[in-house]
Amino acid sequence: MAGGRAHDHRRGRLRVSIRPVREGDRDEILALHRAAIRSAGSDPDDVPGNEDLDTPVAAYRGVGGELLVLEAEGDIVAMGGYKPRDSGVELLRMAVAPDAQGEGYGSRIIEALEAHAREAGYEHVELETTARQEQAMGFYPSHGYHETGRRQDGEYEVVRFEKSL
C-alpha cells in the first residue's frame, strides 16, 4: 500500500471509493496481487500469467472488460476485473489486501463488477480459483456462485465457479 502506513478499516471511518484502474496504478496493484497471493498460502513468483497487470487498462478495457480498484483513504486495498469470454465474462484478479479483509471490500468489488457486466449486456460469469484459497472457496458461493468443476494444474487444485447475472 502507498506509504506503507497501517489503516483502521472499520466501517464508516474511511473514505472508500471504487473506480476503474489507471495505468499509473500498476505498482500498487502488483503489490496488492503479490500480498494477496502470499496471504493465501502461495508463492507469488510461482503464479504464472501476470502480464495483464503490467498494462492494466489495455489488458482489460482494451478487450471489452474492466478492472476496478477500491481505494480506502487513497490507498488501493482491493481489486477485481473481468474479461469477455464466449459464454459471458470471466472474473479475474479478485484480491483484497490482507490487512483489509473482512471489511466487505471484496463484496463491494464483485457487486460492482457484476453490475458493469450486466450493463454491458453479459448474462453469465465464470471464474477459477484454487482449493487452497479457503476464503475464496467460501466467498464465491456466498455471492451466488456454484461450483462447476475441478482440475489439477501442477500442485494446484483449480476450482471453477459460475453464476447467471
C-alpha atoms as a PDB file:
ATOM      1  CA  MET A   1       0.000   0.000   0.000  1.00  0.00           C
ATOM      2  CA  ALA A   2       1.109   3.533  -0.683  1.00  0.00           C
ATOM      3  CA  GLY A   3       3.227   4.906   2.080  1.00  0.00           C
ATOM      4  CA  GLY A   4       3.149   1.574   3.898  1.00  0.00           C
ATOM      5  CA  ARG A   5       1.017   3.017   6.671  1.00  0.00           C
ATOM      6  CA  ALA A   6      -1.460   0.931   8.649  1.00  0.00           C
ATOM      7  CA  HIS A   7      -5.163   1.597   8.365  1.00  0.00           C
ATOM      8  CA  ASP A   8      -8.196   1.372  10.587  1.00  0.00           C
ATOM      9  CA  HIS A   9     -10.594  -0.426   8.247  1.00  0.00           C
ATOM     10  CA  ARG A  10     -13.670  -0.202  10.471  1.00  0.00           C
ATOM     11  CA  ARG A  11     -16.781   0.735   8.529  1.00  0.00           C
ATOM     12  CA  GLY A  12     -17.650   4.381   8.427  1.00  0.00           C
ATOM     13  CA  ARG A  13     -14.166   5.535   9.405  1.00  0.00           C
ATOM     14  CA  LEU A  14     -12.555   5.595   5.961  1.00  0.00           C
ATOM     15  CA  ARG A  15     -13.357   7.346   2.732  1.00  0.00           C
ATOM     16  CA  VAL A  16     -13.883   4.446   0.301  1.00  0.00           C
ATOM     17  CA  SER A  17     -14.436   4.587  -3.466  1.00  0.00           C
ATOM     18  CA  ILE A  18     -14.426   2.212  -6.428  1.00  0.00           C
ATOM     19  CA  ARG A  19     -13.055   3.356  -9.754  1.00  0.00           C
ATOM     20  CA  PRO A  20     -11.633   1.943 -12.988  1.00  0.00           C
ATOM     21  CA  VAL A  21      -7.933   1.146 -12.890  1.00  0.00           C
ATOM     22  CA  ARG A  22      -5.448   3.625 -14.354  1.00  0.00           C
ATOM     23  CA  GLU A  23      -2.078   2.733 -15.861  1.00  0.00           C
ATOM     24  CA  GLY A  24      -0.454   4.685 -13.025  1.00  0.00           C
ATOM     25  CA  ASP A  25      -1.883   2.158 -10.537  1.00  0.00           C
ATOM     26  CA  ARG A  26       0.485  -0.539 -11.808  1.00  0.00           C
ATOM     27  CA  ASP A  27       2.865  -0.666  -8.833  1.00  0.00           C
ATOM     28  CA  GLU A  28       0.054  -0.630  -6.259  1.00  0.00           C
ATOM     29  CA  ILE A  29      -1.987  -3.355  -7.958  1.00  0.00           C
ATOM     30  CA  LEU A  30       1.103  -5.527  -8.418  1.00  0.00           C
ATOM     31  CA  ALA A  31       1.894  -5.157  -4.701  1.00  0.00           C
ATOM     32  CA  LEU A  32      -1.737  -5.937  -3.795  1.00  0.00           C
ATOM     33  CA  HIS A  33      -1.733  -9.003  -6.053  1.00  0.00           C
ATOM     34  CA  ARG A  34       1.511 -10.315  -4.528  1.00  0.00           C
ATOM     35  CA  ALA A  35       0.325  -9.708  -0.942  1.00  0.00           C
ATOM     36  CA  ALA A  36      -2.997 -11.450  -1.591  1.00  0.00           C
ATOM     37  CA  ILE A  37      -1.308 -14.476  -3.195  1.00  0.00           C
ATOM     38  CA  ARG A  38       1.152 -14.701  -0.296  1.00  0.00           C
ATOM     39  CA  SER A  39      -1.638 -14.463   2.313  1.00  0.00           C
ATOM     40  CA  ALA A  40      -3.494 -17.303   0.565  1.00  0.00           C
ATOM     41  CA  GLY A  41      -0.506 -19.572   1.119  1.00  0.00           C
ATOM     42  CA  SER A  42       1.073 -19.439  -2.338  1.00  0.00           C
ATOM     43  CA  ASP A  43       4.310 -18.027  -3.655  1.00  0.00           C
ATOM     44  CA  PRO A  44       3.540 -15.066  -5.973  1.00  0.00           C
ATOM     45  CA  ASP A  45       6.636 -15.911  -8.019  1.00  0.00           C
ATOM     46  CA  ASP A  46       5.133 -19.361  -8.683  1.00  0.00           C
ATOM     47  CA  VAL A  47       1.920 -17.958 -10.200  1.00  0.00           C
ATOM     48  CA  PRO A  48       2.262 -17.528 -13.976  1.00  0.00           C
ATOM     49  CA  GLY A  49       0.397 -15.208 -16.323  1.00  0.00           C
ATOM     50  CA  ASN A  50       0.553 -11.835 -14.581  1.00  0.00           C
ATOM     51  CA  GLU A  51       1.336  -9.801 -17.703  1.00  0.00           C
ATOM     52  CA  ASP A  52      -2.121  -8.189 -17.619  1.00  0.00           C
ATOM     53  CA  LEU A  53      -1.086  -6.234 -14.530  1.00  0.00           C
ATOM     54  CA  ASP A  54       1.772  -4.578 -16.426  1.00  0.00           C
ATOM     55  CA  THR A  55      -0.679  -2.707 -18.712  1.00  0.00           C
ATOM     56  CA  PRO A  56      -3.999  -2.998 -16.889  1.00  0.00           C
ATOM     57  CA  VAL A  57      -6.070  -0.539 -18.941  1.00  0.00           C
ATOM     58  CA  ALA A  58      -5.135  -2.114 -22.264  1.00  0.00           C
ATOM     59  CA  ALA A  59      -5.381  -5.658 -20.875  1.00  0.00           C
ATOM     60  CA  TYR A  60      -8.954  -5.128 -19.617  1.00  0.00           C
ATOM     61  CA  ARG A  61     -10.729  -2.172 -21.236  1.00  0.00           C
ATOM     62  CA  GLY A  62      -8.802  -2.774 -24.452  1.00  0.00           C
ATOM     63  CA  VAL A  63     -10.604  -6.123 -24.845  1.00  0.00           C
ATOM     64  CA  GLY A  64     -14.050  -5.010 -23.642  1.00  0.00           C
ATOM     65  CA  GLY A  65     -13.551  -5.825 -19.980  1.00  0.00           C
ATOM     66  CA  GLU A  66     -12.942  -3.840 -16.827  1.00  0.00           C
ATOM     67  CA  LEU A  67     -10.538  -3.810 -13.884  1.00  0.00           C
ATOM     68  CA  LEU A  68     -11.804  -1.934 -10.854  1.00  0.00           C
ATOM     69  CA  VAL A  69      -9.911  -0.834  -7.766  1.00  0.00           C
ATOM     70  CA  LEU A  70     -11.272   0.036  -4.355  1.00  0.00           C
ATOM     71  CA  GLU A  71      -9.481   2.846  -2.575  1.00  0.00           C
ATOM     72  CA  ALA A  72      -9.638   3.493   1.151  1.00  0.00           C
ATOM     73  CA  GLU A  73      -8.185   6.888   2.072  1.00  0.00           C
ATOM     74  CA  GLY A  74      -6.344   6.979  -1.236  1.00  0.00           C
ATOM     75  CA  ASP A  75      -4.710   3.541  -0.983  1.00  0.00           C
ATOM     76  CA  ILE A  76      -5.781   0.674  -3.243  1.00  0.00           C
ATOM     77  CA  VAL A  77      -6.911  -2.101  -0.890  1.00  0.00           C
ATOM     78  CA  ALA A  78      -8.981  -4.282  -3.260  1.00  0.00           C
ATOM     79  CA  MET A  79      -9.343  -5.002  -6.945  1.00  0.00           C
ATOM     80  CA  GLY A  80     -11.142  -7.230  -9.380  1.00  0.00           C
ATOM     81  CA  GLY A  81     -11.733  -7.457 -13.082  1.00  0.00           C
ATOM     82  CA  TYR A  82     -13.471  -9.276 -15.869  1.00  0.00           C
ATOM     83  CA  LYS A  83     -12.779 -10.094 -19.490  1.00  0.00           C
ATOM     84  CA  PRO A  84     -15.275 -11.246 -22.125  1.00  0.00           C
ATOM     85  CA  ARG A  85     -15.373 -14.953 -22.916  1.00  0.00           C
ATOM     86  CA  ASP A  86     -17.522 -16.914 -25.376  1.00  0.00           C
ATOM     87  CA  SER A  87     -20.086 -17.719 -22.704  1.00  0.00           C
ATOM     88  CA  GLY A  88     -20.107 -14.358 -20.887  1.00  0.00           C
ATOM     89  CA  VAL A  89     -17.322 -12.916 -18.747  1.00  0.00           C
ATOM     90  CA  GLU A  90     -14.564 -14.366 -16.612  1.00  0.00           C
ATOM     91  CA  LEU A  91     -13.787 -12.752 -13.270  1.00  0.00           C
ATOM     92  CA  LEU A  92     -10.078 -12.216 -12.718  1.00  0.00           C
ATOM     93  CA  ARG A  93      -7.719 -10.611 -10.226  1.00  0.00           C
ATOM     94  CA  MET A  94     -10.096 -10.579  -7.267  1.00  0.00           C
ATOM     95  CA  ALA A  95      -7.908  -9.519  -4.347  1.00  0.00           C
ATOM     96  CA  VAL A  96      -8.211  -7.727  -1.020  1.00  0.00           C
ATOM     97  CA  ALA A  97      -5.181  -6.563   0.946  1.00  0.00           C
ATOM     98  CA  PRO A  98      -4.600  -8.932   3.879  1.00  0.00           C
ATOM     99  CA  ASP A  99      -4.985  -6.152   6.469  1.00  0.00           C
ATOM    100  CA  ALA A 100      -8.265  -5.018   4.857  1.00  0.00           C
ATOM    101  CA  GLN A 101     -10.007  -8.400   4.659  1.00  0.00           C
ATOM    102  CA  GLY A 102     -13.315  -8.864   6.442  1.00  0.00           C
ATOM    103  CA  GLU A 103     -14.478  -5.304   5.782  1.00  0.00           C
ATOM    104  CA  GLY A 104     -16.768  -6.082   2.847  1.00  0.00           C
ATOM    105  CA  TYR A 105     -14.396  -4.699   0.205  1.00  0.00           C
ATOM    106  CA  GLY A 106     -14.422  -7.939  -1.812  1.00  0.00           C
ATOM    107  CA  SER A 107     -18.224  -7.890  -1.801  1.00  0.00           C
ATOM    108  CA  ARG A 108     -18.261  -4.293  -3.000  1.00  0.00           C
ATOM    109  CA  ILE A 109     -15.851  -5.100  -5.847  1.00  0.00           C
ATOM    110  CA  ILE A 110     -17.716  -8.225  -7.013  1.00  0.00           C
ATOM    111  CA  GLU A 111     -21.069  -6.427  -6.901  1.00  0.00           C
ATOM    112  CA  ALA A 112     -19.637  -3.529  -8.941  1.00  0.00           C
ATOM    113  CA  LEU A 113     -18.116  -5.939 -11.481  1.00  0.00           C
ATOM    114  CA  GLU A 114     -21.384  -7.828 -11.855  1.00  0.00           C
ATOM    115  CA  ALA A 115     -23.257  -4.544 -12.359  1.00  0.00           C
ATOM    116  CA  HIS A 116     -20.747  -3.421 -15.023  1.00  0.00           C
ATOM    117  CA  ALA A 117     -21.013  -6.779 -16.799  1.00  0.00           C
ATOM    118  CA  ARG A 118     -24.845  -6.658 -16.736  1.00  0.00           C
ATOM    119  CA  GLU A 119     -24.835  -3.101 -18.095  1.00  0.00           C
ATOM    120  CA  ALA A 120     -22.515  -4.273 -20.886  1.00  0.00           C
ATOM    121  CA  GLY A 121     -25.079  -6.952 -21.811  1.00  0.00           C
ATOM    122  CA  TYR A 122     -23.434 -10.020 -20.312  1.00  0.00           C
ATOM    123  CA  GLU A 123     -25.599 -12.655 -18.646  1.00  0.00           C
ATOM    124  CA  HIS A 124     -23.086 -15.179 -17.325  1.00  0.00           C
ATOM    125  CA  VAL A 125     -19.982 -15.015 -15.107  1.00  0.00           C
ATOM    126  CA  GLU A 126     -17.366 -17.705 -14.587  1.00  0.00           C
ATOM    127  CA  LEU A 127     -14.137 -17.817 -12.618  1.00  0.00           C
ATOM    128  CA  GLU A 128     -11.435 -20.111 -11.360  1.00  0.00           C
ATOM    129  CA  THR A 129      -9.670 -20.169  -8.012  1.00  0.00           C
ATOM    130  CA  THR A 130      -7.618 -22.738  -6.177  1.00  0.00           C
ATOM    131  CA  ALA A 131      -8.937 -25.040  -3.488  1.00  0.00           C
ATOM    132  CA  ARG A 132      -6.188 -23.877  -1.118  1.00  0.00           C
ATOM    133  CA  GLN A 133      -7.678 -20.365  -1.127  1.00  0.00           C
ATOM    134  CA  GLU A 134     -10.104 -21.125   1.681  1.00  0.00           C
ATOM    135  CA  GLN A 135     -11.558 -17.623   1.871  1.00  0.00           C
ATOM    136  CA  ALA A 136     -12.330 -17.635  -1.863  1.00  0.00           C
ATOM    137  CA  MET A 137     -13.919 -21.082  -1.576  1.00  0.00           C
ATOM    138  CA  GLY A 138     -16.440 -19.611   0.873  1.00  0.00           C
ATOM    139  CA  PHE A 139     -16.691 -16.140  -0.674  1.00  0.00           C
ATOM    140  CA  TYR A 140     -17.945 -17.095  -4.139  1.00  0.00           C
ATOM    141  CA  PRO A 141     -20.780 -19.413  -3.013  1.00  0.00           C
ATOM    142  CA  SER A 142     -21.893 -16.720  -0.547  1.00  0.00           C
ATOM    143  CA  HIS A 143     -22.321 -14.433  -3.586  1.00  0.00           C
ATOM    144  CA  GLY A 144     -24.445 -16.895  -5.579  1.00  0.00           C
ATOM    145  CA  TYR A 145     -21.705 -18.738  -7.487  1.00  0.00           C
ATOM    146  CA  HIS A 146     -21.897 -22.507  -7.813  1.00  0.00           C
ATOM    147  CA  GLU A 147     -19.030 -24.899  -8.337  1.00  0.00           C
ATOM    148  CA  THR A 148     -18.994 -26.488 -11.801  1.00  0.00           C
ATOM    149  CA  GLY A 149     -15.774 -28.471 -11.832  1.00  0.00           C
ATOM    150  CA  ARG A 150     -12.239 -29.115 -10.646  1.00  0.00           C
ATOM    151  CA  ARG A 151      -8.961 -29.845 -12.378  1.00  0.00           C
ATOM    152  CA  GLN A 152      -5.356 -30.299 -11.383  1.00  0.00           C
ATOM    153  CA  ASP A 153      -2.757 -27.766 -12.579  1.00  0.00           C
ATOM    154  CA  GLY A 154       0.625 -28.801 -11.215  1.00  0.00           C
ATOM    155  CA  GLU A 155       0.400 -28.687  -7.436  1.00  0.00           C
ATOM    156  CA  TYR A 156      -2.828 -26.635  -7.529  1.00  0.00           C
ATOM    157  CA  GLU A 157      -6.386 -27.961  -7.486  1.00  0.00           C
ATOM    158  CA  VAL A 158      -8.274 -25.427  -9.616  1.00  0.00           C
ATOM    159  CA  VAL A 159     -11.973 -24.943  -8.848  1.00  0.00           C
ATOM    160  CA  ARG A 160     -14.366 -23.443 -11.399  1.00  0.00           C
ATOM    161  CA  PHE A 161     -17.422 -21.385 -10.354  1.00  0.00           C
ATOM    162  CA  GLU A 162     -20.255 -19.890 -12.414  1.00  0.00           C
ATOM    163  CA  LYS A 163     -23.206 -17.571 -11.924  1.00  0.00           C
ATOM    164  CA  SER A 164     -26.001 -16.195 -14.088  1.00  0.00           C
ATOM    165  CA  LEU A 165     -26.483 -12.444 -13.848  1.00  0.00           C
END
